[in-house]
N, C-alpha and C. Protein backbone atom coordinates (compact mmCIF):
# COMPACT_ATOMS: atom_id res chain seq x y z
N MET A 1 -87.37 -85.73 9.59
CA MET A 1 -87.47 -84.43 10.26
C MET A 1 -88.05 -84.63 11.65
N ASN A 2 -87.57 -83.82 12.58
CA ASN A 2 -88.17 -83.93 13.91
C ASN A 2 -89.40 -83.03 14.01
N ASN A 3 -90.17 -83.21 15.09
CA ASN A 3 -91.44 -82.48 15.24
C ASN A 3 -91.26 -80.97 15.31
N THR A 4 -90.15 -80.50 15.87
CA THR A 4 -89.91 -79.07 15.98
C THR A 4 -89.77 -78.44 14.60
N ILE A 5 -89.04 -79.10 13.72
CA ILE A 5 -88.84 -78.58 12.37
C ILE A 5 -90.16 -78.62 11.60
N ILE A 6 -90.91 -79.71 11.74
CA ILE A 6 -92.18 -79.82 11.03
C ILE A 6 -93.15 -78.74 11.50
N SER A 7 -93.25 -78.53 12.81
CA SER A 7 -94.19 -77.52 13.29
C SER A 7 -93.73 -76.11 12.89
N ALA A 8 -92.42 -75.87 12.85
CA ALA A 8 -91.91 -74.57 12.40
C ALA A 8 -92.23 -74.36 10.93
N LEU A 9 -92.09 -75.42 10.13
CA LEU A 9 -92.42 -75.34 8.71
C LEU A 9 -93.92 -75.11 8.51
N ASP A 10 -94.74 -75.83 9.30
CA ASP A 10 -96.19 -75.62 9.25
C ASP A 10 -96.54 -74.18 9.61
N GLU A 11 -95.91 -73.67 10.66
CA GLU A 11 -96.20 -72.31 11.10
C GLU A 11 -95.80 -71.30 10.03
N GLN A 12 -94.65 -71.53 9.39
CA GLN A 12 -94.21 -70.63 8.32
C GLN A 12 -95.17 -70.70 7.13
N PHE A 13 -95.69 -71.91 6.85
CA PHE A 13 -96.68 -72.05 5.77
C PHE A 13 -97.89 -71.18 6.05
N TYR A 14 -98.39 -71.21 7.29
CA TYR A 14 -99.58 -70.43 7.62
C TYR A 14 -99.29 -68.93 7.75
N ILE A 15 -98.03 -68.57 7.85
CA ILE A 15 -97.67 -67.15 7.79
C ILE A 15 -97.65 -66.70 6.33
N ASP A 16 -97.09 -67.55 5.45
CA ASP A 16 -96.99 -67.21 4.03
C ASP A 16 -98.30 -67.39 3.27
N CYS A 17 -99.17 -68.25 3.78
CA CYS A 17 -100.37 -68.62 3.02
C CYS A 17 -101.61 -68.60 3.91
N LYS A 18 -102.73 -68.29 3.29
CA LYS A 18 -104.02 -68.41 3.95
C LYS A 18 -104.81 -69.45 3.16
N VAL A 19 -105.35 -70.44 3.85
CA VAL A 19 -106.08 -71.52 3.20
C VAL A 19 -107.56 -71.32 3.47
N VAL A 20 -108.36 -71.35 2.40
CA VAL A 20 -109.80 -71.11 2.50
C VAL A 20 -110.52 -72.26 1.80
N SER A 21 -111.58 -72.73 2.41
CA SER A 21 -112.40 -73.78 1.83
C SER A 21 -113.29 -73.20 0.73
N THR A 22 -113.25 -73.81 -0.47
CA THR A 22 -114.10 -73.32 -1.55
C THR A 22 -115.57 -73.57 -1.22
N LYS A 23 -115.87 -74.68 -0.55
CA LYS A 23 -117.25 -75.00 -0.21
C LYS A 23 -117.82 -73.98 0.77
N ARG A 24 -117.01 -73.57 1.76
CA ARG A 24 -117.48 -72.59 2.74
C ARG A 24 -117.57 -71.19 2.14
N GLU A 25 -116.58 -70.84 1.33
CA GLU A 25 -116.50 -69.50 0.76
C GLU A 25 -117.52 -69.31 -0.37
N TYR A 26 -117.66 -70.33 -1.19
CA TYR A 26 -118.55 -70.27 -2.35
C TYR A 26 -119.44 -71.52 -2.35
N PRO A 27 -120.54 -71.52 -1.59
CA PRO A 27 -121.38 -72.73 -1.45
C PRO A 27 -121.88 -73.32 -2.76
N SER A 28 -122.05 -72.51 -3.79
CA SER A 28 -122.56 -73.04 -5.05
C SER A 28 -121.45 -73.46 -6.01
N TYR A 29 -120.19 -73.37 -5.59
CA TYR A 29 -119.06 -73.75 -6.45
C TYR A 29 -119.11 -75.24 -6.73
N THR A 30 -118.92 -75.62 -8.00
CA THR A 30 -119.03 -77.03 -8.37
C THR A 30 -117.73 -77.61 -8.92
N GLY A 31 -116.66 -76.85 -8.88
CA GLY A 31 -115.37 -77.34 -9.38
C GLY A 31 -114.78 -78.42 -8.49
N ILE A 32 -113.68 -79.01 -8.95
CA ILE A 32 -113.05 -80.09 -8.18
C ILE A 32 -112.12 -79.56 -7.09
N GLU A 33 -111.71 -78.29 -7.19
CA GLU A 33 -110.81 -77.72 -6.19
C GLU A 33 -111.56 -77.51 -4.88
N LYS A 34 -111.03 -78.05 -3.80
CA LYS A 34 -111.68 -77.92 -2.50
C LYS A 34 -111.06 -76.80 -1.67
N TRP A 35 -109.90 -76.30 -2.08
CA TRP A 35 -109.19 -75.30 -1.29
C TRP A 35 -108.70 -74.16 -2.17
N ILE A 36 -108.62 -72.99 -1.55
CA ILE A 36 -108.02 -71.81 -2.16
C ILE A 36 -106.83 -71.45 -1.27
N ILE A 37 -105.67 -71.24 -1.88
CA ILE A 37 -104.49 -70.79 -1.13
C ILE A 37 -104.22 -69.36 -1.55
N ILE A 38 -104.27 -68.46 -0.57
CA ILE A 38 -104.01 -67.04 -0.83
C ILE A 38 -102.58 -66.75 -0.39
N THR A 39 -101.73 -66.37 -1.34
CA THR A 39 -100.32 -66.17 -1.06
C THR A 39 -99.69 -65.33 -2.16
N ASP A 40 -98.51 -64.80 -1.88
CA ASP A 40 -97.73 -64.11 -2.91
C ASP A 40 -96.79 -65.07 -3.62
N LEU A 41 -96.75 -66.33 -3.18
CA LEU A 41 -95.89 -67.33 -3.80
C LEU A 41 -96.57 -67.89 -5.05
N THR A 42 -95.75 -68.28 -6.02
CA THR A 42 -96.30 -68.96 -7.18
C THR A 42 -96.54 -70.41 -6.82
N GLU A 43 -97.24 -71.13 -7.68
CA GLU A 43 -97.49 -72.55 -7.40
C GLU A 43 -96.18 -73.33 -7.38
N GLU A 44 -95.23 -72.95 -8.21
CA GLU A 44 -93.92 -73.62 -8.22
C GLU A 44 -93.20 -73.38 -6.89
N GLU A 45 -93.24 -72.14 -6.39
CA GLU A 45 -92.61 -71.84 -5.10
C GLU A 45 -93.30 -72.60 -3.97
N LEU A 46 -94.61 -72.71 -4.05
CA LEU A 46 -95.34 -73.50 -3.04
C LEU A 46 -94.86 -74.95 -3.07
N ASN A 47 -94.72 -75.51 -4.27
CA ASN A 47 -94.26 -76.90 -4.40
C ASN A 47 -92.86 -77.08 -3.84
N GLU A 48 -91.97 -76.12 -4.07
CA GLU A 48 -90.60 -76.21 -3.58
C GLU A 48 -90.54 -76.11 -2.05
N ARG A 49 -91.24 -75.13 -1.49
CA ARG A 49 -91.12 -74.85 -0.05
C ARG A 49 -92.04 -75.72 0.82
N TYR A 50 -93.24 -75.98 0.34
CA TYR A 50 -94.26 -76.58 1.20
C TYR A 50 -94.93 -77.80 0.57
N ALA A 51 -94.16 -78.67 -0.02
CA ALA A 51 -94.73 -79.83 -0.70
C ALA A 51 -95.60 -80.67 0.23
N GLU A 52 -95.11 -80.90 1.45
CA GLU A 52 -95.88 -81.73 2.40
C GLU A 52 -97.15 -81.03 2.86
N GLN A 53 -97.10 -79.72 3.04
CA GLN A 53 -98.25 -78.98 3.55
C GLN A 53 -99.35 -78.86 2.49
N ILE A 54 -98.98 -78.76 1.23
CA ILE A 54 -100.00 -78.57 0.19
C ILE A 54 -100.50 -79.88 -0.40
N ALA A 55 -99.79 -80.98 -0.15
CA ALA A 55 -100.20 -82.27 -0.72
C ALA A 55 -101.64 -82.63 -0.38
N PRO A 56 -102.08 -82.51 0.89
CA PRO A 56 -103.47 -82.87 1.18
C PRO A 56 -104.49 -81.86 0.66
N LEU A 57 -104.03 -80.71 0.19
CA LEU A 57 -104.94 -79.67 -0.28
C LEU A 57 -105.20 -79.76 -1.79
N ARG A 58 -104.48 -80.65 -2.47
CA ARG A 58 -104.63 -80.76 -3.93
C ARG A 58 -105.96 -81.36 -4.31
N PRO A 59 -106.58 -80.95 -5.40
CA PRO A 59 -106.26 -79.78 -6.22
C PRO A 59 -106.72 -78.50 -5.53
N PHE A 60 -106.01 -77.41 -5.77
CA PHE A 60 -106.34 -76.14 -5.13
C PHE A 60 -106.20 -75.01 -6.12
N ILE A 61 -106.68 -73.85 -5.73
CA ILE A 61 -106.58 -72.63 -6.53
C ILE A 61 -105.63 -71.69 -5.79
N VAL A 62 -104.71 -71.06 -6.52
CA VAL A 62 -103.79 -70.09 -5.91
C VAL A 62 -104.25 -68.70 -6.28
N LEU A 63 -104.45 -67.86 -5.27
CA LEU A 63 -104.83 -66.46 -5.48
C LEU A 63 -103.83 -65.56 -4.78
N SER A 64 -103.68 -64.34 -5.27
CA SER A 64 -102.69 -63.41 -4.72
C SER A 64 -103.14 -62.82 -3.39
N ARG A 65 -102.17 -62.31 -2.64
CA ARG A 65 -102.47 -61.64 -1.37
C ARG A 65 -103.33 -60.39 -1.60
N SER A 66 -103.12 -59.71 -2.73
CA SER A 66 -103.93 -58.52 -2.99
C SER A 66 -105.40 -58.92 -3.13
N PHE A 67 -105.66 -60.07 -3.75
CA PHE A 67 -107.04 -60.58 -3.80
C PHE A 67 -107.51 -60.88 -2.37
N GLY A 68 -106.64 -61.48 -1.56
CA GLY A 68 -106.99 -61.80 -0.18
C GLY A 68 -107.35 -60.56 0.63
N GLU A 69 -106.62 -59.47 0.40
CA GLU A 69 -106.93 -58.22 1.11
C GLU A 69 -108.28 -57.67 0.68
N VAL A 70 -108.56 -57.73 -0.60
CA VAL A 70 -109.87 -57.27 -1.10
C VAL A 70 -110.97 -58.14 -0.52
N ARG A 71 -110.74 -59.45 -0.50
CA ARG A 71 -111.70 -60.41 0.06
C ARG A 71 -111.94 -60.10 1.54
N ASP A 72 -110.87 -59.91 2.31
CA ASP A 72 -111.00 -59.60 3.73
C ASP A 72 -111.78 -58.30 3.94
N HIS A 73 -111.49 -57.29 3.12
CA HIS A 73 -112.22 -56.02 3.22
C HIS A 73 -113.70 -56.23 2.94
N TYR A 74 -114.00 -57.01 1.92
CA TYR A 74 -115.40 -57.31 1.57
C TYR A 74 -116.10 -58.01 2.74
N ILE A 75 -115.45 -59.00 3.33
CA ILE A 75 -116.05 -59.75 4.44
C ILE A 75 -116.28 -58.83 5.64
N ARG A 76 -115.29 -58.00 5.96
CA ARG A 76 -115.45 -57.05 7.08
C ARG A 76 -116.63 -56.12 6.81
N ASN A 77 -116.73 -55.62 5.58
CA ASN A 77 -117.80 -54.71 5.23
C ASN A 77 -119.16 -55.41 5.32
N GLU A 78 -119.25 -56.64 4.81
CA GLU A 78 -120.50 -57.39 4.90
C GLU A 78 -120.88 -57.64 6.36
N ASN A 79 -119.91 -58.01 7.19
CA ASN A 79 -120.19 -58.23 8.61
C ASN A 79 -120.66 -56.95 9.29
N LYS A 80 -120.03 -55.84 8.93
CA LYS A 80 -120.42 -54.55 9.50
C LYS A 80 -121.87 -54.24 9.15
N HIS A 81 -122.24 -54.42 7.89
CA HIS A 81 -123.61 -54.14 7.48
C HIS A 81 -124.60 -55.13 8.08
N ARG A 82 -124.20 -56.40 8.19
CA ARG A 82 -125.08 -57.39 8.80
C ARG A 82 -125.33 -57.06 10.27
N MET A 83 -124.28 -56.67 10.99
CA MET A 83 -124.43 -56.30 12.40
C MET A 83 -125.27 -55.02 12.53
N ARG A 84 -125.06 -54.07 11.64
CA ARG A 84 -125.85 -52.83 11.68
C ARG A 84 -127.32 -53.15 11.44
N ALA A 85 -127.60 -54.01 10.48
CA ALA A 85 -128.99 -54.40 10.20
C ALA A 85 -129.56 -55.18 11.37
N TYR A 86 -128.73 -56.00 12.02
CA TYR A 86 -129.19 -56.79 13.15
C TYR A 86 -129.56 -55.89 14.33
N ARG A 87 -128.76 -54.84 14.55
CA ARG A 87 -129.03 -53.93 15.67
C ARG A 87 -130.20 -53.01 15.39
N THR A 88 -130.56 -52.84 14.13
CA THR A 88 -131.67 -51.98 13.75
C THR A 88 -132.95 -52.78 13.85
N ILE A 89 -133.85 -52.36 14.71
CA ILE A 89 -135.09 -53.10 14.92
C ILE A 89 -136.00 -53.01 13.70
N GLU A 90 -136.13 -51.85 13.12
CA GLU A 90 -137.06 -51.63 12.01
C GLU A 90 -136.28 -51.15 10.80
N PRO A 91 -135.67 -52.07 9.99
CA PRO A 91 -134.84 -51.61 8.89
C PRO A 91 -135.62 -51.02 7.73
N PHE A 92 -136.92 -51.35 7.60
CA PHE A 92 -137.71 -50.84 6.48
C PHE A 92 -138.86 -49.99 7.01
N ASP A 93 -139.20 -48.98 6.27
CA ASP A 93 -140.33 -48.14 6.62
C ASP A 93 -141.50 -48.58 5.76
N TYR A 94 -142.47 -49.25 6.36
CA TYR A 94 -143.64 -49.67 5.60
C TYR A 94 -144.88 -49.49 6.46
N ASP A 95 -146.00 -49.51 5.83
CA ASP A 95 -147.27 -49.30 6.50
C ASP A 95 -147.68 -50.59 7.21
N ASP A 96 -147.64 -50.59 8.55
CA ASP A 96 -147.97 -51.77 9.34
C ASP A 96 -149.39 -52.28 9.06
N ASP A 97 -150.33 -51.35 8.90
CA ASP A 97 -151.72 -51.76 8.65
C ASP A 97 -151.85 -52.49 7.32
N LEU A 98 -151.16 -52.00 6.30
CA LEU A 98 -151.21 -52.63 4.98
C LEU A 98 -150.62 -54.04 5.04
N VAL A 99 -149.47 -54.18 5.68
CA VAL A 99 -148.83 -55.50 5.80
C VAL A 99 -149.70 -56.43 6.62
N ALA A 100 -150.24 -55.95 7.74
CA ALA A 100 -151.08 -56.79 8.60
C ALA A 100 -152.34 -57.24 7.88
N ALA A 101 -152.91 -56.37 7.06
CA ALA A 101 -154.14 -56.71 6.35
C ALA A 101 -153.91 -57.79 5.29
N HIS A 102 -152.77 -57.78 4.65
CA HIS A 102 -152.52 -58.70 3.54
C HIS A 102 -151.56 -59.84 3.88
N HIS A 103 -150.72 -59.65 4.88
CA HIS A 103 -149.72 -60.67 5.22
C HIS A 103 -149.55 -60.76 6.73
N ALA A 104 -150.59 -61.17 7.40
CA ALA A 104 -150.55 -61.27 8.86
C ALA A 104 -149.47 -62.24 9.32
N GLU A 105 -149.22 -63.31 8.53
CA GLU A 105 -148.21 -64.29 8.93
C GLU A 105 -146.81 -63.68 8.98
N ILE A 106 -146.55 -62.68 8.13
CA ILE A 106 -145.25 -62.02 8.14
C ILE A 106 -145.08 -61.21 9.41
N VAL A 107 -146.08 -60.46 9.79
CA VAL A 107 -146.01 -59.63 10.99
C VAL A 107 -145.79 -60.51 12.21
N LYS A 108 -146.55 -61.59 12.33
CA LYS A 108 -146.43 -62.48 13.48
C LYS A 108 -145.05 -63.11 13.53
N ASP A 109 -144.61 -63.67 12.40
CA ASP A 109 -143.30 -64.31 12.36
C ASP A 109 -142.18 -63.31 12.60
N SER A 110 -142.29 -62.10 12.04
CA SER A 110 -141.25 -61.10 12.22
C SER A 110 -141.09 -60.73 13.69
N LEU A 111 -142.20 -60.55 14.38
CA LEU A 111 -142.13 -60.19 15.79
C LEU A 111 -141.50 -61.33 16.60
N GLU A 112 -141.95 -62.55 16.37
CA GLU A 112 -141.38 -63.70 17.08
C GLU A 112 -139.91 -63.88 16.76
N ASP A 113 -139.58 -63.76 15.48
CA ASP A 113 -138.18 -63.91 15.08
C ASP A 113 -137.32 -62.82 15.71
N GLU A 114 -137.82 -61.60 15.71
CA GLU A 114 -137.05 -60.49 16.27
C GLU A 114 -136.83 -60.68 17.77
N LEU A 115 -137.86 -61.11 18.49
CA LEU A 115 -137.72 -61.36 19.92
C LEU A 115 -136.71 -62.47 20.18
N MET A 116 -136.78 -63.52 19.37
CA MET A 116 -135.84 -64.63 19.54
C MET A 116 -134.41 -64.18 19.24
N ARG A 117 -134.22 -63.42 18.16
CA ARG A 117 -132.89 -62.92 17.83
C ARG A 117 -132.37 -62.02 18.94
N GLN A 118 -133.24 -61.16 19.47
CA GLN A 118 -132.83 -60.27 20.55
C GLN A 118 -132.41 -61.06 21.79
N PHE A 119 -133.19 -62.09 22.10
CA PHE A 119 -132.87 -62.95 23.25
C PHE A 119 -131.53 -63.65 23.03
N GLU A 120 -131.31 -64.21 21.85
CA GLU A 120 -130.05 -64.90 21.55
C GLU A 120 -128.88 -63.92 21.55
N TYR A 121 -129.10 -62.73 21.03
CA TYR A 121 -128.06 -61.71 21.00
C TYR A 121 -127.65 -61.32 22.43
N GLU A 122 -128.62 -61.16 23.32
CA GLU A 122 -128.33 -60.80 24.71
C GLU A 122 -127.55 -61.92 25.40
N ARG A 123 -127.94 -63.17 25.15
CA ARG A 123 -127.21 -64.30 25.75
C ARG A 123 -125.79 -64.36 25.22
N LEU A 124 -125.63 -64.11 23.93
CA LEU A 124 -124.28 -64.12 23.35
C LEU A 124 -123.44 -62.99 23.95
N GLN A 125 -124.03 -61.82 24.13
CA GLN A 125 -123.30 -60.72 24.77
C GLN A 125 -122.86 -61.10 26.18
N GLN A 126 -123.74 -61.75 26.93
CA GLN A 126 -123.40 -62.20 28.28
C GLN A 126 -122.25 -63.22 28.24
N ALA A 127 -122.31 -64.14 27.29
CA ALA A 127 -121.27 -65.16 27.16
C ALA A 127 -119.92 -64.53 26.84
N ILE A 128 -119.91 -63.57 25.93
CA ILE A 128 -118.66 -62.90 25.57
C ILE A 128 -118.15 -62.06 26.74
N ALA A 129 -119.06 -61.43 27.46
CA ALA A 129 -118.66 -60.62 28.62
C ALA A 129 -118.04 -61.48 29.72
N SER A 130 -118.36 -62.78 29.75
CA SER A 130 -117.81 -63.66 30.78
C SER A 130 -116.38 -64.09 30.49
N LEU A 131 -115.87 -63.81 29.28
CA LEU A 131 -114.51 -64.18 28.91
C LEU A 131 -113.50 -63.26 29.60
N ASN A 132 -112.27 -63.75 29.73
CA ASN A 132 -111.23 -62.87 30.26
C ASN A 132 -110.86 -61.87 29.16
N PRO A 133 -110.24 -60.74 29.53
CA PRO A 133 -110.00 -59.67 28.55
C PRO A 133 -109.19 -60.10 27.33
N ILE A 134 -108.22 -61.00 27.53
CA ILE A 134 -107.38 -61.45 26.41
C ILE A 134 -108.22 -62.26 25.43
N GLN A 135 -108.99 -63.22 25.94
CA GLN A 135 -109.83 -64.04 25.07
C GLN A 135 -110.87 -63.17 24.35
N LYS A 136 -111.46 -62.24 25.07
CA LYS A 136 -112.48 -61.36 24.48
C LYS A 136 -111.87 -60.56 23.32
N ARG A 137 -110.69 -60.00 23.54
CA ARG A 137 -110.03 -59.19 22.53
C ARG A 137 -109.68 -60.03 21.29
N ARG A 138 -109.14 -61.22 21.51
CA ARG A 138 -108.75 -62.07 20.38
C ARG A 138 -109.96 -62.62 19.64
N LEU A 139 -111.03 -62.93 20.37
CA LEU A 139 -112.26 -63.40 19.73
C LEU A 139 -112.84 -62.29 18.85
N GLN A 140 -112.81 -61.06 19.36
CA GLN A 140 -113.30 -59.93 18.59
C GLN A 140 -112.47 -59.73 17.34
N MET A 141 -111.14 -59.82 17.46
CA MET A 141 -110.29 -59.65 16.29
C MET A 141 -110.59 -60.73 15.25
N PHE A 142 -110.79 -61.96 15.71
CA PHE A 142 -111.00 -63.08 14.78
C PHE A 142 -112.36 -62.99 14.08
N PHE A 143 -113.44 -62.78 14.84
CA PHE A 143 -114.77 -62.82 14.25
C PHE A 143 -115.26 -61.49 13.70
N PHE A 144 -115.01 -60.41 14.42
CA PHE A 144 -115.60 -59.14 14.02
C PHE A 144 -114.67 -58.28 13.17
N GLU A 145 -113.36 -58.53 13.28
CA GLU A 145 -112.41 -57.81 12.44
C GLU A 145 -111.84 -58.71 11.36
N ASN A 146 -112.26 -59.98 11.35
CA ASN A 146 -111.83 -60.97 10.36
C ASN A 146 -110.32 -61.08 10.23
N MET A 147 -109.63 -61.02 11.37
CA MET A 147 -108.19 -61.17 11.34
C MET A 147 -107.83 -62.65 11.39
N SER A 148 -106.80 -63.03 10.68
CA SER A 148 -106.33 -64.41 10.70
C SER A 148 -105.55 -64.64 12.00
N TYR A 149 -105.30 -65.92 12.29
CA TYR A 149 -104.52 -66.23 13.48
C TYR A 149 -103.13 -65.60 13.36
N ALA A 150 -102.57 -65.60 12.16
CA ALA A 150 -101.24 -65.02 11.96
C ALA A 150 -101.26 -63.52 12.26
N LYS A 151 -102.31 -62.82 11.82
CA LYS A 151 -102.37 -61.36 12.07
C LYS A 151 -102.61 -61.08 13.55
N ILE A 152 -103.44 -61.91 14.19
CA ILE A 152 -103.65 -61.75 15.64
C ILE A 152 -102.33 -61.96 16.36
N ALA A 153 -101.62 -63.02 15.98
CA ALA A 153 -100.34 -63.33 16.62
C ALA A 153 -99.35 -62.18 16.44
N GLU A 154 -99.30 -61.64 15.23
CA GLU A 154 -98.41 -60.53 14.95
C GLU A 154 -98.77 -59.31 15.80
N LYS A 155 -100.05 -59.00 15.87
CA LYS A 155 -100.51 -57.83 16.63
C LYS A 155 -100.28 -58.00 18.13
N GLU A 156 -100.47 -59.24 18.62
CA GLU A 156 -100.34 -59.50 20.05
C GLU A 156 -98.90 -59.87 20.47
N GLY A 157 -98.04 -60.11 19.49
CA GLY A 157 -96.66 -60.49 19.80
C GLY A 157 -96.56 -61.90 20.37
N ILE A 158 -97.37 -62.81 19.83
CA ILE A 158 -97.38 -64.20 20.30
C ILE A 158 -97.25 -65.13 19.10
N ALA A 159 -97.09 -66.42 19.38
CA ALA A 159 -97.03 -67.42 18.30
C ALA A 159 -98.43 -67.61 17.71
N LYS A 160 -98.45 -67.99 16.45
CA LYS A 160 -99.74 -68.22 15.78
C LYS A 160 -100.52 -69.32 16.48
N SER A 161 -99.82 -70.35 16.93
CA SER A 161 -100.49 -71.45 17.63
C SER A 161 -101.14 -70.97 18.93
N ALA A 162 -100.51 -70.01 19.60
CA ALA A 162 -101.08 -69.45 20.83
C ALA A 162 -102.35 -68.65 20.51
N ALA A 163 -102.34 -67.92 19.40
CA ALA A 163 -103.53 -67.17 18.99
C ALA A 163 -104.67 -68.13 18.67
N HIS A 164 -104.35 -69.20 17.95
CA HIS A 164 -105.36 -70.21 17.61
C HIS A 164 -105.92 -70.85 18.87
N LYS A 165 -105.05 -71.22 19.79
CA LYS A 165 -105.48 -71.87 21.03
C LYS A 165 -106.35 -70.92 21.86
N SER A 166 -105.99 -69.66 21.91
CA SER A 166 -106.75 -68.68 22.67
C SER A 166 -108.14 -68.48 22.11
N VAL A 167 -108.25 -68.35 20.79
CA VAL A 167 -109.56 -68.17 20.14
C VAL A 167 -110.40 -69.42 20.31
N ALA A 168 -109.79 -70.59 20.11
CA ALA A 168 -110.53 -71.85 20.28
C ALA A 168 -111.03 -72.00 21.71
N SER A 169 -110.21 -71.64 22.66
CA SER A 169 -110.61 -71.70 24.07
C SER A 169 -111.75 -70.71 24.35
N ALA A 170 -111.68 -69.54 23.77
CA ALA A 170 -112.75 -68.55 23.95
C ALA A 170 -114.07 -69.08 23.37
N ILE A 171 -114.00 -69.71 22.22
CA ILE A 171 -115.21 -70.28 21.61
C ILE A 171 -115.79 -71.36 22.51
N GLU A 172 -114.94 -72.23 23.04
CA GLU A 172 -115.41 -73.28 23.95
C GLU A 172 -116.03 -72.68 25.21
N ASN A 173 -115.44 -71.62 25.73
CA ASN A 173 -116.00 -70.96 26.92
C ASN A 173 -117.36 -70.34 26.63
N VAL A 174 -117.50 -69.75 25.45
CA VAL A 174 -118.80 -69.18 25.06
C VAL A 174 -119.83 -70.30 24.94
N LYS A 175 -119.45 -71.41 24.27
CA LYS A 175 -120.37 -72.55 24.14
C LYS A 175 -120.78 -73.07 25.51
N SER A 176 -119.81 -73.24 26.40
CA SER A 176 -120.11 -73.74 27.75
C SER A 176 -121.06 -72.81 28.49
N PHE A 177 -120.83 -71.52 28.37
CA PHE A 177 -121.69 -70.53 29.01
C PHE A 177 -123.12 -70.66 28.48
N LEU A 178 -123.25 -70.74 27.16
CA LEU A 178 -124.58 -70.83 26.55
C LEU A 178 -125.28 -72.13 26.94
N ILE A 179 -124.55 -73.21 27.07
CA ILE A 179 -125.14 -74.50 27.50
C ILE A 179 -125.62 -74.38 28.94
N ARG A 180 -124.79 -73.77 29.81
CA ARG A 180 -125.19 -73.60 31.21
C ARG A 180 -126.44 -72.73 31.33
N VAL A 181 -126.52 -71.68 30.53
CA VAL A 181 -127.67 -70.78 30.56
C VAL A 181 -128.94 -71.51 30.11
N ASN A 182 -128.81 -72.39 29.13
CA ASN A 182 -129.96 -73.12 28.60
C ASN A 182 -130.46 -74.21 29.53
N ASP A 183 -129.59 -74.70 30.42
CA ASP A 183 -130.00 -75.79 31.32
C ASP A 183 -130.80 -75.29 32.50
């Protein structure tokens, strides 16, 4: 096969399937499967169509797209709540005097941690603001809306590889910005 056919087959695989690391998704998972493939194809159909693409992923778990949609919704919801909690300075209502009297180390650490998080959050906002509008939009879709490269590509009317390259470039630009700021 020539490279054009292989890359087209790879691209079709990533349109039909979403590959997720079991270690990243479920840190306490102890099974031998290292990958989860989310697709509407059966394992037999995967073997017929994408034998070369799935060979390095063996052994793997096959889950349906409907599970993938529920998973994506859960992740978006968790991210939304995490960001809401992050933006909220005082998430709990408690008596400061009581906490200070019995757990002074918590009050001190909480204030320092909050200031550090706020500082890092502001630097990250500056780094994202320095991106061009296309990179900023695609980075937001990838991280904050949990869209896959295939969904970004579909929404933007571009190839999946272009969406991947754009997001990767945006991440590198953010890293470079943060390194420059720290120096």
